[in-house]
Protein backbone atom coordinates (compact mmCIF):
# COMPACT_ATOMS: atom_id res chain seq x y z
CA UNK A 1 110.01 9.70 107.50
CA UNK A 2 112.03 12.37 109.29
CA UNK A 3 113.52 15.60 107.99
CA UNK A 4 117.27 15.49 107.50
CA UNK A 5 117.54 11.71 107.92
CA UNK A 6 118.76 9.63 105.00
CA UNK A 7 115.84 7.46 103.82
CA UNK A 8 118.04 4.35 104.05
CA UNK A 9 118.13 4.82 107.82
CA UNK A 10 115.05 2.86 108.80
CA UNK A 11 113.56 3.14 112.26
CA UNK A 12 115.00 -0.26 113.18
CA UNK A 13 118.47 0.73 112.00
CA UNK A 14 118.35 4.09 113.77
CA UNK A 15 117.29 2.36 116.98
CA UNK A 16 120.32 0.05 116.84
CA UNK A 17 122.72 2.90 116.03
CA UNK A 18 121.32 4.93 118.92
CA UNK A 19 121.65 2.02 121.37
CA UNK A 20 125.30 1.44 120.50
CA UNK A 21 127.90 2.64 122.97
CA UNK A 22 131.39 4.01 122.46
CA UNK A 23 133.54 1.52 120.49
CA UNK A 24 130.60 -0.78 119.70
CA UNK A 25 130.72 -1.87 116.09
CA UNK A 26 128.22 -1.99 113.30
CA UNK A 27 129.10 -4.09 110.28
CA UNK A 28 127.81 -3.36 106.81
CA UNK A 29 128.05 -6.51 104.71
CA UNK A 30 127.46 -7.63 101.15
CA UNK A 31 124.85 -10.14 100.01
CA UNK A 32 127.39 -13.00 100.18
CA UNK A 33 128.12 -12.61 103.91
CA UNK A 34 126.59 -15.18 106.33
CA UNK A 35 124.84 -12.39 108.26
CA UNK A 36 121.75 -14.34 109.36
CA UNK A 37 123.92 -17.00 110.99
CA UNK A 38 126.27 -14.57 112.75
CA UNK A 39 124.20 -11.49 113.66
CA UNK A 40 122.79 -10.81 117.10
CA UNK A 41 120.82 -7.93 115.54
CA UNK A 42 120.26 -7.99 111.79
CA UNK A 43 118.87 -5.30 109.52
CA UNK A 44 118.43 -6.24 105.87
CA UNK A 45 118.42 -3.54 103.19
CA UNK A 46 118.00 -5.34 99.84
CA UNK A 47 118.54 -3.32 96.70
CA UNK A 48 121.23 -1.16 98.30
CA UNK A 49 124.99 -1.07 97.96
CA UNK A 50 127.38 -1.27 100.89
CA UNK A 51 128.95 2.15 100.19
CA UNK A 52 125.58 3.94 100.06
CA UNK A 53 124.42 2.30 103.31
CA UNK A 54 127.72 3.17 104.99
CA UNK A 55 127.39 6.79 103.83
CA UNK A 56 123.90 6.94 105.34
CA UNK A 57 125.15 5.48 108.63
CA UNK A 58 128.07 7.90 108.73
CA UNK A 59 125.63 10.80 108.40
CA UNK A 60 124.57 10.10 112.01
CA UNK A 61 127.40 8.01 113.50
CA UNK A 62 130.76 9.46 114.59
CA UNK A 63 133.82 7.28 114.13
CA UNK A 64 135.94 5.96 116.97
CA UNK A 65 139.67 6.69 117.08
CA UNK A 66 141.83 5.43 114.23
CA UNK A 67 141.55 2.82 112.97
CA UNK A 68 137.79 3.03 113.21
CA UNK A 69 137.27 1.06 110.02
CA UNK A 70 138.18 -2.53 109.15
CA UNK A 71 137.96 -4.01 105.67
CA UNK A 72 138.41 -7.64 104.70
CA UNK A 73 141.65 -8.33 102.85
CA UNK A 74 140.92 -9.46 99.30
CA UNK A 75 142.16 -12.84 98.08
CA UNK A 76 145.05 -11.27 96.17
CA UNK A 77 145.71 -8.48 98.67
CA UNK A 78 144.71 -5.69 96.29
CA UNK A 79 142.39 -2.86 97.29
CA UNK A 80 139.23 -3.25 95.23
CA UNK A 81 136.98 -0.51 93.85
CA UNK A 82 134.20 -1.35 96.31
CA UNK A 83 136.69 -1.04 99.17
CA UNK A 84 137.84 2.38 97.94
CA UNK A 85 134.17 3.40 97.79
CA UNK A 86 133.68 2.15 101.36
CA UNK A 87 136.68 4.16 102.53
CA UNK A 88 135.25 7.27 100.86
CA UNK A 89 131.82 6.64 102.40
CA UNK A 90 133.43 6.29 105.83
CA UNK A 91 135.41 9.48 105.28
CA UNK A 92 138.77 7.80 105.86
CA UNK A 93 141.96 7.45 103.85
CA UNK A 94 144.50 4.62 103.85
CA UNK A 95 145.72 5.63 107.32
CA UNK A 96 142.22 5.34 108.77
CA UNK A 97 141.55 1.78 107.69
CA UNK A 98 142.88 -1.58 108.79
CA UNK A 99 142.74 -4.64 106.54
CA UNK A 100 142.02 -7.94 108.30
CA UNK A 101 141.87 -11.50 107.02
CA UNK A 102 138.51 -13.13 106.38
CA UNK A 103 138.36 -15.17 109.56
CA UNK A 104 139.35 -12.23 111.77
CA UNK A 105 136.60 -10.26 110.04
CA UNK A 106 134.10 -13.04 110.86
CA UNK A 107 135.28 -12.97 114.48
CA UNK A 108 134.66 -9.22 114.58
CA UNK A 109 131.20 -9.79 113.13
CA UNK A 110 130.34 -12.21 115.92
CA UNK A 111 130.94 -9.50 118.51
CA UNK A 112 129.32 -6.67 116.54
CA UNK A 113 126.39 -4.83 118.02
CA UNK A 114 124.53 -5.04 114.71
CA UNK A 115 125.02 -6.29 111.18
CA UNK A 116 123.46 -4.52 108.22
CA UNK A 117 123.09 -6.81 105.18
CA UNK A 118 122.91 -4.94 101.90
CA UNK A 119 122.18 -6.11 98.38
CA UNK A 120 125.82 -5.50 97.41
CA UNK A 121 126.97 -8.22 95.00
CA UNK A 122 130.59 -7.14 94.60
CA UNK A 123 132.98 -9.34 96.56
CA UNK A 124 134.60 -7.84 99.68
CA UNK A 125 131.86 -5.22 100.04
CA UNK A 126 131.99 -5.52 103.85
CA UNK A 127 133.15 -3.04 106.48
CA UNK A 128 133.39 -2.81 110.28
CA UNK A 129 132.76 0.65 111.72
CA UNK A 130 133.22 1.52 115.41
CA UNK A 131 131.11 4.20 117.06
CA UNK A 132 132.94 7.16 118.49
CA UNK A 133 131.78 9.80 120.92
CA UNK A 134 128.81 11.86 119.81
CA UNK A 135 129.88 15.46 119.32
CA UNK A 136 133.59 14.57 119.23
CA UNK A 137 134.43 13.63 115.65
CA UNK A 138 137.83 11.92 115.29
CA UNK A 139 140.54 13.74 113.41
């Protein structure tokens, strides 16, 4: 345990976040996502929600330039509550997020530096976040 570090940020997760370079992506996914099949580096945080894990990650990870956040487009195209919560956890508004179709999201996951699988059971509780420059928070 470290002072000032969110307890959801395990040593393994912090190691991956630290190793990431500018524009590398970390993907926080729900329990439905095929993370074990796709991930090069997988951290599993059962019993957590995607928004709370994203908020913990954002406490140490600066965002890349807009759009730094991708969400999966829902089946009917509406923005779901869990997606609004993810946007709030990322600290972005509608202008700071891009919605992508499911298969483009899976393609992004295949190139991600790390995937964090949560216990989130709400559908579309997945988000791509790109690392910005440390000490240079995007506007």
